[in-house]
Structure formats: C-alpha cells, structure tokens
Amino acid sequence: MPLLPARWVRTAPARRIASAALAAALLFAASAGSAASAVAAPAPPDLAERGWVWPVAPVRIVAPWVAPAHEYGPGHRGIDLARGPGEEVTAPAPGVVAFAGAVAGRGVITLDHGDGLVTTLEPVETALAPGTVVARGDPVGVVSTGGHAAPGTVHFGVRWDGAYINPMLLLGGIPRAILLPCC
C-alpha cells in the first residue's frame, strides 16, 4: 500500500473542522444574499389607499368573504351586498368594461381597473358594451336575478393578478384581529 505525503493526509478532527468552516461560510453567503433581496423587495401596496367605493348604497353585507383553504377549495370569493332587483349598481373604481353579458343564465359585468385588478358584479343587467370607460361611482347596471347570490343581493368579487382577494381590502374595511383570552 503506497504511503501518501503527509500534507495530503488529514486527521478526522481536521476534516470535521474544515467541513464546519465550509458549512458556516455557505450559510453566511446564503443569508447575506437573502437579506439583500429582502431589503430590496418592495413592500406590498396598501390597497385601501386606491379610493374605491362601495358599488351599492346603503351598504349591508349579507354574505362575507370566506377564504378557501387552497386555490380550488370551497369558499366565498367575494361579498354579497343587499340590493333589490332593479336597483342601481355603480363602479367601485375607474375602469373599462371587460365583459358584459349572460353567464349561466345570469347577467354579469366585469370591470378592468388596470394594475391587475378586476371586479365582477352579478347578477347585474347592463346596457354597457365591452370597452366602455367608467369612472368611480358611475352607474354600470341594475340588479337582476339568478346565479349563486341569494335573491335581493349582488355579488361583488375582485381578482388581483388572477387571484381572488377580499374586496374589503380595497374599501379599508378589514378590521384588525383582536385576540381574546382563553377560558
């Protein structure tokens, strides 16, 4: 068996020290890189500062937002607001009519507000055509019947970059969570 030069041979403790030093250097480099990227990442925008308004007045929430456990899970991806058939519905923010028509037998209007925000109101009958520009508070239609919303309500849903979000985030109506003592 050939003998190796002494400089090539390391003892077990020396190998452990070298391995620990290498691991520490890698962890330091990884944490420095993630810290730099965390500092550089912009803070999420405060959606409540966009000046959205309720699409109906007076406002009474009949069914609140219920977040699904996962993308395809059950939930209520919007809020249902009390509003009788034939009563006016308005644009919550400036936008462009992206869709207006019947879906599964109910009237639907979808407004594209730009920056990835899209509103859907249903059941709503409208005379507006896709491409029509609307201002915040402009009438966009009247409540009709049909769909999953209970009679006498209008469903107000909002998507941001394709994902449903709670419309209350845009209206500044999300109350702070209050932890109560147990027992």
N, C-alpha and C. Protein backbone atom coordinates (compact mmCIF):
# COMPACT_ATOMS: atom_id res chain seq x y z
N MET A 1 0.85 -1.16 0.00
CA MET A 1 0.00 0.00 0.00
C MET A 1 0.90 1.23 0.00
N PRO A 2 0.70 2.11 -1.00
CA PRO A 2 1.58 3.27 -1.05
C PRO A 2 1.25 4.26 0.04
N LEU A 3 2.24 4.90 0.50
CA LEU A 3 2.06 5.93 1.51
C LEU A 3 1.81 7.26 0.84
N LEU A 4 0.89 8.07 1.42
CA LEU A 4 0.60 9.39 0.88
C LEU A 4 1.47 10.41 1.58
N PRO A 5 1.81 11.47 0.87
CA PRO A 5 2.59 12.51 1.54
C PRO A 5 1.79 13.06 2.72
N ALA A 6 2.47 13.46 3.76
CA ALA A 6 1.84 13.94 4.99
C ALA A 6 0.92 15.13 4.74
N ARG A 7 1.24 15.99 3.78
CA ARG A 7 0.39 17.16 3.53
C ARG A 7 -0.95 16.78 2.94
N TRP A 8 -1.10 15.55 2.35
CA TRP A 8 -2.37 15.12 1.79
C TRP A 8 -3.25 14.42 2.81
N VAL A 9 -2.68 14.04 3.91
CA VAL A 9 -3.40 13.28 4.92
C VAL A 9 -3.94 14.24 5.96
N ARG A 10 -5.23 14.12 6.24
CA ARG A 10 -5.84 14.94 7.29
C ARG A 10 -6.39 13.99 8.34
N THR A 11 -6.35 14.44 9.52
CA THR A 11 -6.91 13.63 10.60
C THR A 11 -8.42 13.87 10.62
N ALA A 12 -9.18 13.00 11.29
CA ALA A 12 -10.63 13.14 11.39
C ALA A 12 -11.03 14.49 12.00
N PRO A 13 -10.41 14.94 13.11
CA PRO A 13 -10.80 16.25 13.66
C PRO A 13 -10.54 17.38 12.67
N ALA A 14 -9.47 17.32 11.92
CA ALA A 14 -9.17 18.37 10.95
C ALA A 14 -10.23 18.40 9.84
N ARG A 15 -10.68 17.21 9.41
CA ARG A 15 -11.73 17.16 8.39
C ARG A 15 -13.04 17.73 8.93
N ARG A 16 -13.37 17.46 10.17
CA ARG A 16 -14.59 18.00 10.77
C ARG A 16 -14.53 19.51 10.87
N ILE A 17 -13.38 20.03 11.24
CA ILE A 17 -13.22 21.49 11.34
C ILE A 17 -13.35 22.12 9.96
N ALA A 18 -12.73 21.52 8.94
CA ALA A 18 -12.82 22.05 7.58
C ALA A 18 -14.26 22.01 7.07
N SER A 19 -14.97 20.90 7.36
CA SER A 19 -16.36 20.79 6.94
C SER A 19 -17.23 21.83 7.63
N ALA A 20 -17.02 22.03 8.93
CA ALA A 20 -17.80 23.02 9.67
C ALA A 20 -17.53 24.43 9.15
N ALA A 21 -16.28 24.73 8.83
CA ALA A 21 -15.93 26.05 8.31
C ALA A 21 -16.59 26.27 6.95
N LEU A 22 -16.58 25.24 6.10
CA LEU A 22 -17.22 25.36 4.80
C LEU A 22 -18.72 25.56 4.95
N ALA A 23 -19.36 24.80 5.84
CA ALA A 23 -20.80 24.94 6.06
C ALA A 23 -21.14 26.34 6.58
N ALA A 24 -20.35 26.85 7.50
CA ALA A 24 -20.59 28.19 8.04
C ALA A 24 -20.45 29.25 6.95
N ALA A 25 -19.46 29.10 6.09
CA ALA A 25 -19.27 30.06 5.01
C ALA A 25 -20.44 30.03 4.04
N LEU A 26 -20.92 28.84 3.71
CA LEU A 26 -22.07 28.72 2.81
C LEU A 26 -23.33 29.32 3.43
N LEU A 27 -23.58 29.06 4.72
CA LEU A 27 -24.74 29.64 5.40
C LEU A 27 -24.66 31.15 5.43
N PHE A 28 -23.49 31.67 5.70
CA PHE A 28 -23.31 33.12 5.74
C PHE A 28 -23.60 33.73 4.38
N ALA A 29 -23.06 33.11 3.33
CA ALA A 29 -23.28 33.63 1.97
C ALA A 29 -24.76 33.57 1.60
N ALA A 30 -25.44 32.48 1.96
CA ALA A 30 -26.87 32.35 1.64
C ALA A 30 -27.69 33.37 2.40
N SER A 31 -27.38 33.56 3.69
CA SER A 31 -28.17 34.52 4.46
C SER A 31 -27.89 35.94 4.03
N ALA A 32 -26.69 36.24 3.63
CA ALA A 32 -26.38 37.59 3.16
C ALA A 32 -27.12 37.87 1.85
N GLY A 33 -27.19 36.87 0.98
CA GLY A 33 -27.92 37.06 -0.28
C GLY A 33 -29.40 37.23 -0.06
N SER A 34 -30.01 36.43 0.84
CA SER A 34 -31.45 36.56 1.07
C SER A 34 -31.76 37.84 1.82
N ALA A 35 -30.88 38.29 2.71
CA ALA A 35 -31.12 39.55 3.41
C ALA A 35 -31.08 40.71 2.43
N ALA A 36 -30.17 40.65 1.48
CA ALA A 36 -30.09 41.72 0.50
C ALA A 36 -31.33 41.76 -0.36
N SER A 37 -31.82 40.56 -0.76
CA SER A 37 -33.02 40.56 -1.58
C SER A 37 -34.24 40.95 -0.78
N ALA A 38 -34.29 40.64 0.52
CA ALA A 38 -35.43 41.03 1.34
C ALA A 38 -35.48 42.54 1.50
N VAL A 39 -34.34 43.17 1.60
CA VAL A 39 -34.31 44.62 1.73
C VAL A 39 -34.71 45.27 0.42
N ALA A 40 -34.32 44.68 -0.70
CA ALA A 40 -34.59 45.28 -2.00
C ALA A 40 -36.03 45.07 -2.46
N ALA A 41 -36.74 44.07 -1.90
CA ALA A 41 -38.11 43.79 -2.34
C ALA A 41 -39.04 44.91 -1.90
N PRO A 42 -39.89 45.40 -2.82
CA PRO A 42 -40.82 46.47 -2.45
C PRO A 42 -41.91 45.95 -1.52
N ALA A 43 -42.40 46.81 -0.67
CA ALA A 43 -43.50 46.45 0.23
C ALA A 43 -44.78 46.32 -0.59
N PRO A 44 -45.67 45.41 -0.19
CA PRO A 44 -46.93 45.30 -0.93
C PRO A 44 -47.73 46.59 -0.80
N PRO A 45 -48.45 46.97 -1.87
CA PRO A 45 -49.19 48.23 -1.82
C PRO A 45 -50.36 48.15 -0.84
N ASP A 46 -50.71 49.28 -0.25
CA ASP A 46 -51.88 49.35 0.61
C ASP A 46 -53.07 49.58 -0.29
N LEU A 47 -53.83 48.54 -0.53
CA LEU A 47 -54.94 48.60 -1.47
C LEU A 47 -56.03 49.57 -1.03
N ALA A 48 -56.16 49.80 0.27
CA ALA A 48 -57.20 50.69 0.77
C ALA A 48 -56.96 52.14 0.36
N GLU A 49 -55.75 52.47 -0.06
CA GLU A 49 -55.44 53.85 -0.45
C GLU A 49 -55.80 54.16 -1.90
N ARG A 50 -56.43 53.22 -2.59
CA ARG A 50 -56.76 53.42 -4.00
C ARG A 50 -58.07 54.18 -4.22
N GLY A 51 -58.81 54.45 -3.16
CA GLY A 51 -60.02 55.26 -3.28
C GLY A 51 -61.24 54.55 -3.82
N TRP A 52 -61.33 53.24 -3.63
CA TRP A 52 -62.51 52.51 -4.10
C TRP A 52 -63.71 52.86 -3.25
N VAL A 53 -64.90 52.73 -3.84
CA VAL A 53 -66.16 52.97 -3.14
C VAL A 53 -67.06 51.74 -3.28
N TRP A 54 -68.04 51.66 -2.41
CA TRP A 54 -68.99 50.56 -2.47
C TRP A 54 -69.81 50.64 -3.76
N PRO A 55 -70.12 49.50 -4.39
CA PRO A 55 -70.92 49.52 -5.61
C PRO A 55 -72.42 49.70 -5.36
N VAL A 56 -72.82 49.70 -4.10
CA VAL A 56 -74.22 49.93 -3.73
C VAL A 56 -74.26 50.84 -2.50
N ALA A 57 -75.39 51.53 -2.35
CA ALA A 57 -75.61 52.34 -1.15
C ALA A 57 -77.11 52.32 -0.85
N PRO A 58 -77.49 52.15 0.38
CA PRO A 58 -76.66 51.92 1.56
C PRO A 58 -76.03 50.52 1.51
N VAL A 59 -75.00 50.33 2.33
CA VAL A 59 -74.25 49.08 2.33
C VAL A 59 -74.72 48.17 3.47
N ARG A 60 -75.07 46.94 3.09
CA ARG A 60 -75.35 45.92 4.10
C ARG A 60 -74.81 44.60 3.55
N ILE A 61 -73.82 44.04 4.24
CA ILE A 61 -73.21 42.78 3.81
C ILE A 61 -74.10 41.63 4.26
N VAL A 62 -74.52 40.83 3.28
CA VAL A 62 -75.38 39.68 3.54
C VAL A 62 -74.54 38.41 3.71
N ALA A 63 -73.50 38.27 2.90
CA ALA A 63 -72.60 37.11 2.97
C ALA A 63 -71.17 37.63 2.84
N PRO A 64 -70.32 37.41 3.86
CA PRO A 64 -68.95 37.93 3.83
C PRO A 64 -68.02 37.05 2.99
N TRP A 65 -66.82 37.57 2.79
CA TRP A 65 -65.73 36.84 2.13
C TRP A 65 -65.37 35.65 3.01
N VAL A 66 -65.20 34.49 2.39
CA VAL A 66 -64.72 33.31 3.10
C VAL A 66 -63.57 32.75 2.26
N ALA A 67 -62.36 32.90 2.77
CA ALA A 67 -61.17 32.47 2.03
C ALA A 67 -61.13 30.94 1.93
N PRO A 68 -60.83 30.42 0.74
CA PRO A 68 -60.68 28.97 0.61
C PRO A 68 -59.36 28.52 1.22
N ALA A 69 -59.33 27.26 1.63
CA ALA A 69 -58.11 26.71 2.22
C ALA A 69 -57.00 26.56 1.17
N HIS A 70 -57.39 26.36 -0.07
CA HIS A 70 -56.43 26.28 -1.17
C HIS A 70 -57.12 26.79 -2.43
N GLU A 71 -56.37 26.91 -3.50
CA GLU A 71 -56.87 27.54 -4.73
C GLU A 71 -58.19 26.97 -5.24
N TYR A 72 -58.38 25.66 -5.09
CA TYR A 72 -59.59 25.03 -5.61
C TYR A 72 -60.56 24.62 -4.51
N GLY A 73 -60.30 25.05 -3.29
CA GLY A 73 -61.15 24.68 -2.17
C GLY A 73 -62.43 25.50 -2.10
N PRO A 74 -63.39 25.04 -1.28
CA PRO A 74 -64.64 25.79 -1.13
C PRO A 74 -64.40 27.10 -0.39
N GLY A 75 -65.22 28.07 -0.68
CA GLY A 75 -65.14 29.38 -0.03
C GLY A 75 -66.11 30.33 -0.70
N HIS A 76 -66.09 31.56 -0.29
CA HIS A 76 -66.93 32.59 -0.92
C HIS A 76 -65.99 33.68 -1.38
N ARG A 77 -65.70 33.70 -2.66
CA ARG A 77 -64.68 34.57 -3.24
C ARG A 77 -65.26 35.93 -3.61
N GLY A 78 -65.79 36.60 -2.62
CA GLY A 78 -66.39 37.91 -2.79
C GLY A 78 -67.30 38.19 -1.62
N ILE A 79 -68.09 39.24 -1.73
CA ILE A 79 -69.08 39.55 -0.70
C ILE A 79 -70.41 39.80 -1.38
N ASP A 80 -71.48 39.40 -0.71
CA ASP A 80 -72.82 39.64 -1.23
C ASP A 80 -73.42 40.81 -0.48
N LEU A 81 -73.95 41.77 -1.24
CA LEU A 81 -74.49 43.00 -0.68
C LEU A 81 -75.99 43.06 -0.92
N ALA A 82 -76.75 43.53 0.07
CA ALA A 82 -78.19 43.66 -0.07
C ALA A 82 -78.50 44.73 -1.11
N ARG A 83 -79.33 44.35 -2.08
CA ARG A 83 -79.75 45.29 -3.13
C ARG A 83 -80.88 44.63 -3.87
N GLY A 84 -82.01 45.31 -3.95
CA GLY A 84 -83.19 44.74 -4.58
C GLY A 84 -83.10 44.74 -6.10
N PRO A 85 -83.88 43.83 -6.73
CA PRO A 85 -83.92 43.78 -8.20
C PRO A 85 -84.32 45.14 -8.77
N GLY A 86 -83.61 45.55 -9.81
CA GLY A 86 -83.89 46.82 -10.48
C GLY A 86 -83.16 48.00 -9.87
N GLU A 87 -82.50 47.80 -8.71
CA GLU A 87 -81.76 48.91 -8.08
C GLU A 87 -80.38 49.06 -8.71
N GLU A 88 -79.90 50.29 -8.72
CA GLU A 88 -78.66 50.66 -9.39
C GLU A 88 -77.41 50.07 -8.71
N VAL A 89 -76.45 49.69 -9.56
CA VAL A 89 -75.13 49.24 -9.12
C VAL A 89 -74.12 50.16 -9.80
N THR A 90 -73.09 50.60 -9.06
CA THR A 90 -72.11 51.54 -9.59
C THR A 90 -70.71 50.95 -9.63
N ALA A 91 -69.83 51.60 -10.38
CA ALA A 91 -68.43 51.16 -10.48
C ALA A 91 -67.70 51.53 -9.19
N PRO A 92 -67.02 50.57 -8.57
CA PRO A 92 -66.29 50.87 -7.35
C PRO A 92 -65.02 51.69 -7.57
N ALA A 93 -64.54 51.70 -8.81
CA ALA A 93 -63.31 52.42 -9.16
C ALA A 93 -63.33 52.67 -10.67
N PRO A 94 -62.50 53.61 -11.14
CA PRO A 94 -62.44 53.82 -12.59
C PRO A 94 -61.98 52.55 -13.30
N GLY A 95 -62.48 52.35 -14.50
CA GLY A 95 -62.07 51.17 -15.25
C GLY A 95 -62.70 51.10 -16.62
N VAL A 96 -62.56 49.95 -17.22
CA VAL A 96 -63.09 49.69 -18.55
C VAL A 96 -63.91 48.41 -18.47
N VAL A 97 -65.08 48.41 -19.09
CA VAL A 97 -65.91 47.21 -19.12
C VAL A 97 -65.16 46.15 -19.93
N ALA A 98 -64.82 45.05 -19.27
CA ALA A 98 -64.11 43.96 -19.93
C ALA A 98 -65.09 42.91 -20.46
N PHE A 99 -66.22 42.74 -19.76
CA PHE A 99 -67.24 41.79 -20.17
C PHE A 99 -68.58 42.27 -19.66
N ALA A 100 -69.60 42.10 -20.47
CA ALA A 100 -70.97 42.39 -20.07
C ALA A 100 -71.87 41.43 -20.82
N GLY A 101 -72.57 40.59 -20.07
CA GLY A 101 -73.45 39.63 -20.74
C GLY A 101 -73.91 38.57 -19.78
N ALA A 102 -74.50 37.54 -20.34
CA ALA A 102 -75.04 36.45 -19.54
C ALA A 102 -74.00 35.34 -19.38
N VAL A 103 -73.93 34.82 -18.15
CA VAL A 103 -73.10 33.66 -17.85
C VAL A 103 -73.99 32.71 -17.05
N ALA A 104 -74.23 31.53 -17.60
CA ALA A 104 -75.07 30.53 -16.94
C ALA A 104 -76.43 31.11 -16.55
N GLY A 105 -77.00 31.93 -17.43
CA GLY A 105 -78.34 32.44 -17.21
C GLY A 105 -78.46 33.66 -16.31
N ARG A 106 -77.37 34.27 -15.92
CA ARG A 106 -77.44 35.48 -15.09
C ARG A 106 -76.59 36.58 -15.72
N GLY A 107 -76.98 37.83 -15.48
CA GLY A 107 -76.22 38.95 -16.00
C GLY A 107 -74.96 39.20 -15.20
N VAL A 108 -73.85 39.41 -15.89
CA VAL A 108 -72.56 39.65 -15.25
C VAL A 108 -71.90 40.84 -15.93
N ILE A 109 -71.28 41.70 -15.12
CA ILE A 109 -70.44 42.76 -15.67
C ILE A 109 -69.08 42.67 -15.00
N THR A 110 -68.03 42.73 -15.80
CA THR A 110 -66.66 42.68 -15.31
C THR A 110 -65.95 43.96 -15.72
N LEU A 111 -65.33 44.62 -14.73
CA LEU A 111 -64.61 45.87 -14.96
C LEU A 111 -63.12 45.64 -14.75
N ASP A 112 -62.31 46.06 -15.69
CA ASP A 112 -60.85 46.00 -15.56
C ASP A 112 -60.38 47.37 -15.09
N HIS A 113 -59.79 47.40 -13.90
CA HIS A 113 -59.34 48.65 -13.30
C HIS A 113 -57.86 48.92 -13.55
N GLY A 114 -57.19 48.06 -14.27
CA GLY A 114 -55.76 48.21 -14.50
C GLY A 114 -54.98 47.70 -13.32
N ASP A 115 -53.66 47.60 -13.47
CA ASP A 115 -52.77 47.14 -12.41
C ASP A 115 -53.17 45.76 -11.88
N GLY A 116 -53.81 44.94 -12.74
CA GLY A 116 -54.16 43.59 -12.35
C GLY A 116 -55.46 43.45 -11.58
N LEU A 117 -56.16 44.54 -11.29
CA LEU A 117 -57.41 44.49 -10.52
C LEU A 117 -58.63 44.41 -11.45
N VAL A 118 -59.47 43.42 -11.18
CA VAL A 118 -60.68 43.19 -11.97
C VAL A 118 -61.84 42.95 -11.02
N THR A 119 -62.96 43.64 -11.27
CA THR A 119 -64.17 43.49 -10.46
C THR A 119 -65.23 42.75 -11.27
N THR A 120 -65.97 41.86 -10.61
CA THR A 120 -67.13 41.23 -11.22
C THR A 120 -68.33 41.48 -10.32
N LEU A 121 -69.42 41.92 -10.93
CA LEU A 121 -70.67 42.18 -10.22
C LEU A 121 -71.74 41.32 -10.87
N GLU A 122 -72.51 40.59 -10.03
CA GLU A 122 -73.57 39.73 -10.56
C GLU A 122 -74.63 39.48 -9.51
N PRO A 123 -75.85 39.22 -9.84
CA PRO A 123 -76.45 39.34 -11.16
C PRO A 123 -76.76 40.81 -11.47
N VAL A 124 -76.25 41.28 -12.56
CA VAL A 124 -76.43 42.68 -12.97
C VAL A 124 -76.74 42.73 -14.46
N GLU A 125 -77.81 43.40 -14.80
CA GLU A 125 -78.14 43.65 -16.20
C GLU A 125 -77.57 45.02 -16.56
N THR A 126 -76.94 45.11 -17.72
CA THR A 126 -76.32 46.36 -18.13
C THR A 126 -76.51 46.60 -19.63
N ALA A 127 -76.51 47.87 -19.99
CA ALA A 127 -76.55 48.24 -21.41
C ALA A 127 -75.14 48.60 -21.90
N LEU A 128 -74.16 48.57 -20.99
CA LEU A 128 -72.79 48.94 -21.37
C LEU A 128 -72.14 47.84 -22.20
N ALA A 129 -71.33 48.25 -23.15
CA ALA A 129 -70.62 47.30 -24.01
C ALA A 129 -69.17 47.18 -23.57
N PRO A 130 -68.53 46.05 -23.83
CA PRO A 130 -67.11 45.94 -23.54
C PRO A 130 -66.34 47.08 -24.22
N GLY A 131 -65.38 47.64 -23.48
CA GLY A 131 -64.60 48.76 -23.97
C GLY A 131 -65.08 50.10 -23.44
N THR A 132 -66.28 50.13 -22.85
CA THR A 132 -66.82 51.37 -22.29
C THR A 132 -66.00 51.78 -21.06
N VAL A 133 -65.58 53.03 -21.03
CA VAL A 133 -64.82 53.56 -19.89
C VAL A 133 -65.81 54.07 -18.84
N VAL A 134 -65.56 53.69 -17.58
CA VAL A 134 -66.42 54.15 -16.48
C VAL A 134 -65.57 54.82 -15.41
N ALA A 135 -66.16 55.79 -14.74
CA ALA A 135 -65.50 56.47 -13.61
C ALA A 135 -66.00 55.88 -12.30
N ARG A 136 -65.27 56.10 -11.25
CA ARG A 136 -65.70 55.64 -9.92
C ARG A 136 -67.08 56.24 -9.63
N GLY A 137 -68.03 55.40 -9.24
CA GLY A 137 -69.37 55.86 -8.91
C GLY A 137 -70.34 55.92 -10.06
N ASP A 138 -69.87 55.70 -11.30
CA ASP A 138 -70.77 55.70 -12.45
C ASP A 138 -71.71 54.49 -12.39
N PRO A 139 -72.98 54.67 -12.76
CA PRO A 139 -73.88 53.51 -12.83
C PRO A 139 -73.39 52.53 -13.89
N VAL A 140 -73.39 51.24 -13.56
CA VAL A 140 -72.96 50.22 -14.53
C VAL A 140 -74.08 49.23 -14.85
N GLY A 141 -75.19 49.31 -14.11
CA GLY A 141 -76.31 48.42 -14.37
C GLY A 141 -77.26 48.39 -13.21
N VAL A 142 -78.18 47.42 -13.27
CA VAL A 142 -79.16 47.23 -12.20
C VAL A 142 -79.15 45.77 -11.78
N VAL A 143 -79.50 45.54 -10.53
CA VAL A 143 -79.54 44.18 -10.00
C VAL A 143 -80.64 43.39 -10.71
N SER A 144 -80.31 42.18 -11.11
CA SER A 144 -81.29 41.29 -11.71
C SER A 144 -81.41 40.06 -10.83
N THR A 145 -81.75 38.93 -11.39
CA THR A 145 -81.90 37.70 -10.60
C THR A 145 -81.08 36.59 -11.24
N GLY A 146 -80.88 35.55 -10.44
CA GLY A 146 -80.16 34.38 -10.93
C GLY A 146 -78.79 34.25 -10.31
N GLY A 147 -78.14 33.14 -10.60
CA GLY A 147 -76.80 32.91 -10.08
C GLY A 147 -76.80 32.36 -8.67
N HIS A 148 -75.62 32.35 -8.07
CA HIS A 148 -75.48 31.76 -6.74
C HIS A 148 -75.85 32.74 -5.62
N ALA A 149 -75.89 34.03 -5.91
CA ALA A 149 -76.23 35.01 -4.88
C ALA A 149 -77.72 34.89 -4.54
N ALA A 150 -78.04 35.08 -3.27
CA ALA A 150 -79.43 35.00 -2.82
C ALA A 150 -80.25 36.10 -3.48
N PRO A 151 -81.54 35.87 -3.69
CA PRO A 151 -82.39 36.93 -4.24
C PRO A 151 -82.29 38.19 -3.39
N GLY A 152 -82.25 39.36 -4.05
CA GLY A 152 -82.14 40.62 -3.34
C GLY A 152 -80.72 40.96 -2.94
N THR A 153 -79.73 40.31 -3.59
CA THR A 153 -78.32 40.63 -3.31
C THR A 153 -77.55 40.74 -4.62
N VAL A 154 -76.41 41.40 -4.52
CA VAL A 154 -75.49 41.48 -5.64
C VAL A 154 -74.13 40.99 -5.13
N HIS A 155 -73.50 40.12 -5.92
CA HIS A 155 -72.18 39.57 -5.56
C HIS A 155 -71.11 40.51 -6.09
N PHE A 156 -70.16 40.86 -5.23
CA PHE A 156 -69.06 41.78 -5.53
C PHE A 156 -67.76 41.01 -5.35
N GLY A 157 -67.14 40.61 -6.47
CA GLY A 157 -65.89 39.85 -6.43
C GLY A 157 -64.77 40.66 -7.04
N VAL A 158 -63.55 40.48 -6.51
CA VAL A 158 -62.37 41.18 -7.03
C VAL A 158 -61.23 40.18 -7.20
N ARG A 159 -60.58 40.27 -8.37
CA ARG A 159 -59.37 39.48 -8.61
C ARG A 159 -58.20 40.43 -8.78
N TRP A 160 -57.05 40.01 -8.27
CA TRP A 160 -55.82 40.78 -8.41
C TRP A 160 -54.80 39.84 -9.02
N ASP A 161 -54.36 40.15 -10.22
CA ASP A 161 -53.44 39.29 -10.98
C ASP A 161 -53.98 37.87 -11.07
N GLY A 162 -55.30 37.76 -11.27
CA GLY A 162 -55.93 36.46 -11.47
C GLY A 162 -56.37 35.74 -10.21
N ALA A 163 -55.95 36.18 -9.05
CA ALA A 163 -56.32 35.52 -7.79
C ALA A 163 -57.40 36.34 -7.08
N TYR A 164 -58.42 35.66 -6.57
CA TYR A 164 -59.47 36.36 -5.84
C TYR A 164 -58.93 36.93 -4.53
N ILE A 165 -59.33 38.16 -4.23
CA ILE A 165 -58.98 38.79 -2.96
C ILE A 165 -60.25 39.32 -2.32
N ASN A 166 -60.18 39.59 -1.04
CA ASN A 166 -61.30 40.13 -0.30
C ASN A 166 -61.53 41.58 -0.75
N PRO A 167 -62.71 41.91 -1.28
CA PRO A 167 -62.97 43.29 -1.72
C PRO A 167 -62.81 44.32 -0.59
N MET A 168 -62.97 43.87 0.65
CA MET A 168 -62.84 44.79 1.78
C MET A 168 -61.42 45.37 1.87
N LEU A 169 -60.43 44.69 1.29
CA LEU A 169 -59.06 45.22 1.28
C LEU A 169 -58.99 46.54 0.52
N LEU A 170 -59.84 46.69 -0.48
CA LEU A 170 -59.85 47.90 -1.30
C LEU A 170 -60.74 48.99 -0.71
N LEU A 171 -61.59 48.60 0.21
CA LEU A 171 -62.53 49.54 0.81
C LEU A 171 -62.09 49.97 2.21
N GLY A 172 -60.98 49.43 2.68
CA GLY A 172 -60.47 49.79 4.00
C GLY A 172 -61.30 49.24 5.14
N GLY A 173 -62.02 48.15 4.88
CA GLY A 173 -62.94 47.64 5.89
C GLY A 173 -62.51 46.37 6.57
N ILE A 174 -61.25 46.00 6.52
CA ILE A 174 -60.82 44.79 7.19
C ILE A 174 -60.48 45.16 8.64
N PRO A 175 -61.27 44.71 9.59
CA PRO A 175 -60.97 45.06 10.98
C PRO A 175 -59.73 44.32 11.47
N ARG A 176 -59.02 44.94 12.39
CA ARG A 176 -57.85 44.29 12.99
C ARG A 176 -58.31 43.10 13.82
N ALA A 177 -57.53 42.04 13.81
CA ALA A 177 -57.84 40.88 14.62
C ALA A 177 -57.58 41.20 16.08
N ILE A 178 -58.48 40.79 16.92
CA ILE A 178 -58.33 41.01 18.36
C ILE A 178 -58.31 39.63 19.01
N LEU A 179 -57.22 39.34 19.69
CA LEU A 179 -57.11 38.07 20.37
C LEU A 179 -57.75 38.20 21.75
N LEU A 180 -58.67 37.29 22.04
CA LEU A 180 -59.35 37.31 23.32
C LEU A 180 -58.73 36.24 24.22
N PRO A 181 -58.76 36.49 25.52
CA PRO A 181 -58.21 35.48 26.43
C PRO A 181 -59.02 34.20 26.38
N CYS A 182 -58.33 33.15 26.58
CA CYS A 182 -58.96 31.84 26.56
C CYS A 182 -59.64 31.55 27.90
N CYS A 183 -60.65 30.81 27.91
CA CYS A 183 -61.35 30.21 29.05
C CYS A 183 -62.00 31.21 29.94
